[in-house]
Amino acid sequence: MNSTELDTAYTALAHALTRVGQAQSPLFLSMLCLSLMSRNPDLGQVLALIEQAETQHSA
């Protein structure tokens, strides 16, 4: 995905989060993550991305 496509996806995500509302955002994000993970055949890559997100969140 190039930077323009990434920006488009990020914007779509932001709009979707606004539509579902703050209370439903955690469930929405969990469902989205499960859907995206199911499309990646590499478990090691998925686990590395989870670790990366956790590390960035803790920083």
N, C-alpha and C. Protein backbone atom coordinates (compact mmCIF):
# COMPACT_ATOMS: atom_id res chain seq x y z
N MET A 1 0.85 -1.17 0.00
CA MET A 1 0.00 0.00 0.00
C MET A 1 0.90 1.23 0.00
N ASN A 2 0.61 2.14 -0.91
CA ASN A 2 1.41 3.36 -0.93
C ASN A 2 0.85 4.38 0.07
N SER A 3 1.52 5.51 0.20
CA SER A 3 1.13 6.48 1.24
C SER A 3 -0.26 7.07 0.99
N THR A 4 -0.64 7.25 -0.26
CA THR A 4 -1.98 7.76 -0.57
C THR A 4 -3.05 6.74 -0.18
N GLU A 5 -2.80 5.49 -0.49
CA GLU A 5 -3.74 4.43 -0.14
C GLU A 5 -3.84 4.27 1.38
N LEU A 6 -2.70 4.36 2.05
CA LEU A 6 -2.69 4.27 3.51
C LEU A 6 -3.49 5.41 4.12
N ASP A 7 -3.33 6.61 3.58
CA ASP A 7 -4.09 7.76 4.06
C ASP A 7 -5.59 7.57 3.83
N THR A 8 -5.95 7.02 2.68
CA THR A 8 -7.36 6.75 2.38
C THR A 8 -7.93 5.74 3.36
N ALA A 9 -7.17 4.68 3.65
CA ALA A 9 -7.63 3.66 4.59
C ALA A 9 -7.76 4.24 6.00
N TYR A 10 -6.79 5.05 6.41
CA TYR A 10 -6.83 5.67 7.73
C TYR A 10 -8.04 6.59 7.87
N THR A 11 -8.30 7.35 6.82
CA THR A 11 -9.46 8.26 6.83
C THR A 11 -10.76 7.46 6.91
N ALA A 12 -10.86 6.38 6.15
CA ALA A 12 -12.05 5.53 6.20
C ALA A 12 -12.24 4.95 7.59
N LEU A 13 -11.14 4.53 8.22
CA LEU A 13 -11.20 4.00 9.58
C LEU A 13 -11.69 5.07 10.56
N ALA A 14 -11.16 6.28 10.44
CA ALA A 14 -11.57 7.36 11.32
C ALA A 14 -13.06 7.66 11.17
N HIS A 15 -13.54 7.66 9.94
CA HIS A 15 -14.97 7.91 9.71
C HIS A 15 -15.82 6.77 10.28
N ALA A 16 -15.37 5.54 10.09
CA ALA A 16 -16.11 4.40 10.63
C ALA A 16 -16.17 4.46 12.15
N LEU A 17 -15.07 4.82 12.78
CA LEU A 17 -15.05 4.93 14.25
C LEU A 17 -16.02 6.02 14.72
N THR A 18 -16.10 7.09 13.98
CA THR A 18 -17.05 8.15 14.32
C THR A 18 -18.48 7.64 14.20
N ARG A 19 -18.76 6.89 13.13
CA ARG A 19 -20.11 6.37 12.92
C ARG A 19 -20.52 5.36 13.99
N VAL A 20 -19.60 4.47 14.41
CA VAL A 20 -19.99 3.47 15.40
C VAL A 20 -20.05 4.05 16.81
N GLY A 21 -19.35 5.14 17.03
CA GLY A 21 -19.39 5.80 18.33
C GLY A 21 -18.34 5.26 19.29
N GLN A 22 -18.04 6.07 20.28
CA GLN A 22 -16.98 5.75 21.23
C GLN A 22 -17.26 4.45 22.00
N ALA A 23 -18.49 4.25 22.38
CA ALA A 23 -18.83 3.06 23.18
C ALA A 23 -18.61 1.76 22.42
N GLN A 24 -18.84 1.78 21.10
CA GLN A 24 -18.70 0.57 20.29
C GLN A 24 -17.33 0.45 19.60
N SER A 25 -16.50 1.47 19.75
CA SER A 25 -15.19 1.47 19.07
C SER A 25 -14.30 0.28 19.45
N PRO A 26 -14.19 -0.10 20.74
CA PRO A 26 -13.34 -1.26 21.05
C PRO A 26 -13.80 -2.55 20.36
N LEU A 27 -15.10 -2.79 20.33
CA LEU A 27 -15.62 -3.98 19.67
C LEU A 27 -15.37 -3.90 18.17
N PHE A 28 -15.61 -2.74 17.58
CA PHE A 28 -15.37 -2.54 16.15
C PHE A 28 -13.90 -2.82 15.81
N LEU A 29 -12.99 -2.25 16.60
CA LEU A 29 -11.56 -2.43 16.33
C LEU A 29 -11.14 -3.89 16.52
N SER A 30 -11.71 -4.57 17.50
CA SER A 30 -11.41 -5.99 17.70
C SER A 30 -11.86 -6.81 16.50
N MET A 31 -13.07 -6.53 16.02
CA MET A 31 -13.59 -7.26 14.86
C MET A 31 -12.75 -6.98 13.62
N LEU A 32 -12.34 -5.74 13.44
CA LEU A 32 -11.51 -5.38 12.30
C LEU A 32 -10.15 -6.09 12.38
N CYS A 33 -9.55 -6.08 13.56
CA CYS A 33 -8.25 -6.74 13.73
C CYS A 33 -8.34 -8.23 13.45
N LEU A 34 -9.38 -8.89 13.95
CA LEU A 34 -9.55 -10.32 13.68
C LEU A 34 -9.71 -10.58 12.19
N SER A 35 -10.46 -9.73 11.52
CA SER A 35 -10.66 -9.89 10.08
C SER A 35 -9.34 -9.72 9.32
N LEU A 36 -8.58 -8.69 9.69
CA LEU A 36 -7.29 -8.46 9.03
C LEU A 36 -6.29 -9.57 9.33
N MET A 37 -6.26 -10.04 10.59
CA MET A 37 -5.34 -11.13 10.95
C MET A 37 -5.66 -12.40 10.18
N SER A 38 -6.94 -12.66 9.95
CA SER A 38 -7.32 -13.89 9.26
C SER A 38 -6.86 -13.89 7.80
N ARG A 39 -6.52 -12.72 7.28
CA ARG A 39 -6.06 -12.61 5.90
C ARG A 39 -4.53 -12.69 5.78
N ASN A 40 -3.84 -12.77 6.90
CA ASN A 40 -2.38 -12.86 6.89
C ASN A 40 -2.00 -14.30 7.25
N PRO A 41 -1.39 -15.02 6.33
CA PRO A 41 -1.07 -16.42 6.57
C PRO A 41 0.14 -16.64 7.49
N ASP A 42 0.84 -15.58 7.85
CA ASP A 42 2.08 -15.71 8.61
C ASP A 42 1.87 -15.36 10.09
N LEU A 43 1.77 -16.37 10.94
CA LEU A 43 1.53 -16.16 12.37
C LEU A 43 2.64 -15.32 12.99
N GLY A 44 3.88 -15.57 12.61
CA GLY A 44 4.99 -14.80 13.17
C GLY A 44 4.86 -13.32 12.88
N GLN A 45 4.42 -12.99 11.68
CA GLN A 45 4.23 -11.59 11.31
C GLN A 45 3.10 -10.96 12.13
N VAL A 46 2.02 -11.69 12.30
CA VAL A 46 0.89 -11.18 13.10
C VAL A 46 1.33 -10.94 14.54
N LEU A 47 2.04 -11.89 15.12
CA LEU A 47 2.50 -11.74 16.51
C LEU A 47 3.47 -10.56 16.64
N ALA A 48 4.32 -10.37 15.64
CA ALA A 48 5.26 -9.24 15.67
C ALA A 48 4.50 -7.91 15.60
N LEU A 49 3.45 -7.85 14.80
CA LEU A 49 2.66 -6.63 14.71
C LEU A 49 1.92 -6.34 16.01
N ILE A 50 1.42 -7.37 16.66
CA ILE A 50 0.77 -7.19 17.97
C ILE A 50 1.77 -6.63 18.97
N GLU A 51 2.96 -7.21 19.00
CA GLU A 51 4.01 -6.74 19.91
C GLU A 51 4.41 -5.30 19.60
N GLN A 52 4.53 -4.99 18.32
CA GLN A 52 4.89 -3.63 17.91
C GLN A 52 3.84 -2.63 18.37
N ALA A 53 2.57 -2.95 18.19
CA ALA A 53 1.50 -2.04 18.58
C ALA A 53 1.48 -1.87 20.09
N GLU A 54 1.71 -2.95 20.82
CA GLU A 54 1.74 -2.86 22.29
C GLU A 54 2.90 -2.00 22.75
N THR A 55 4.05 -2.17 22.14
CA THR A 55 5.23 -1.39 22.50
C THR A 55 5.01 0.10 22.21
N GLN A 56 4.44 0.41 21.06
CA GLN A 56 4.17 1.80 20.70
C GLN A 56 3.13 2.42 21.63
N HIS A 57 2.17 1.62 22.05
CA HIS A 57 1.12 2.12 22.95
C HIS A 57 1.70 2.44 24.33
N SER A 58 2.67 1.65 24.76
CA SER A 58 3.27 1.81 26.10
C SER A 58 4.26 2.96 26.16
N ALA A 59 4.75 3.38 25.00
CA ALA A 59 5.78 4.42 24.97
C ALA A 59 5.25 5.80 25.31
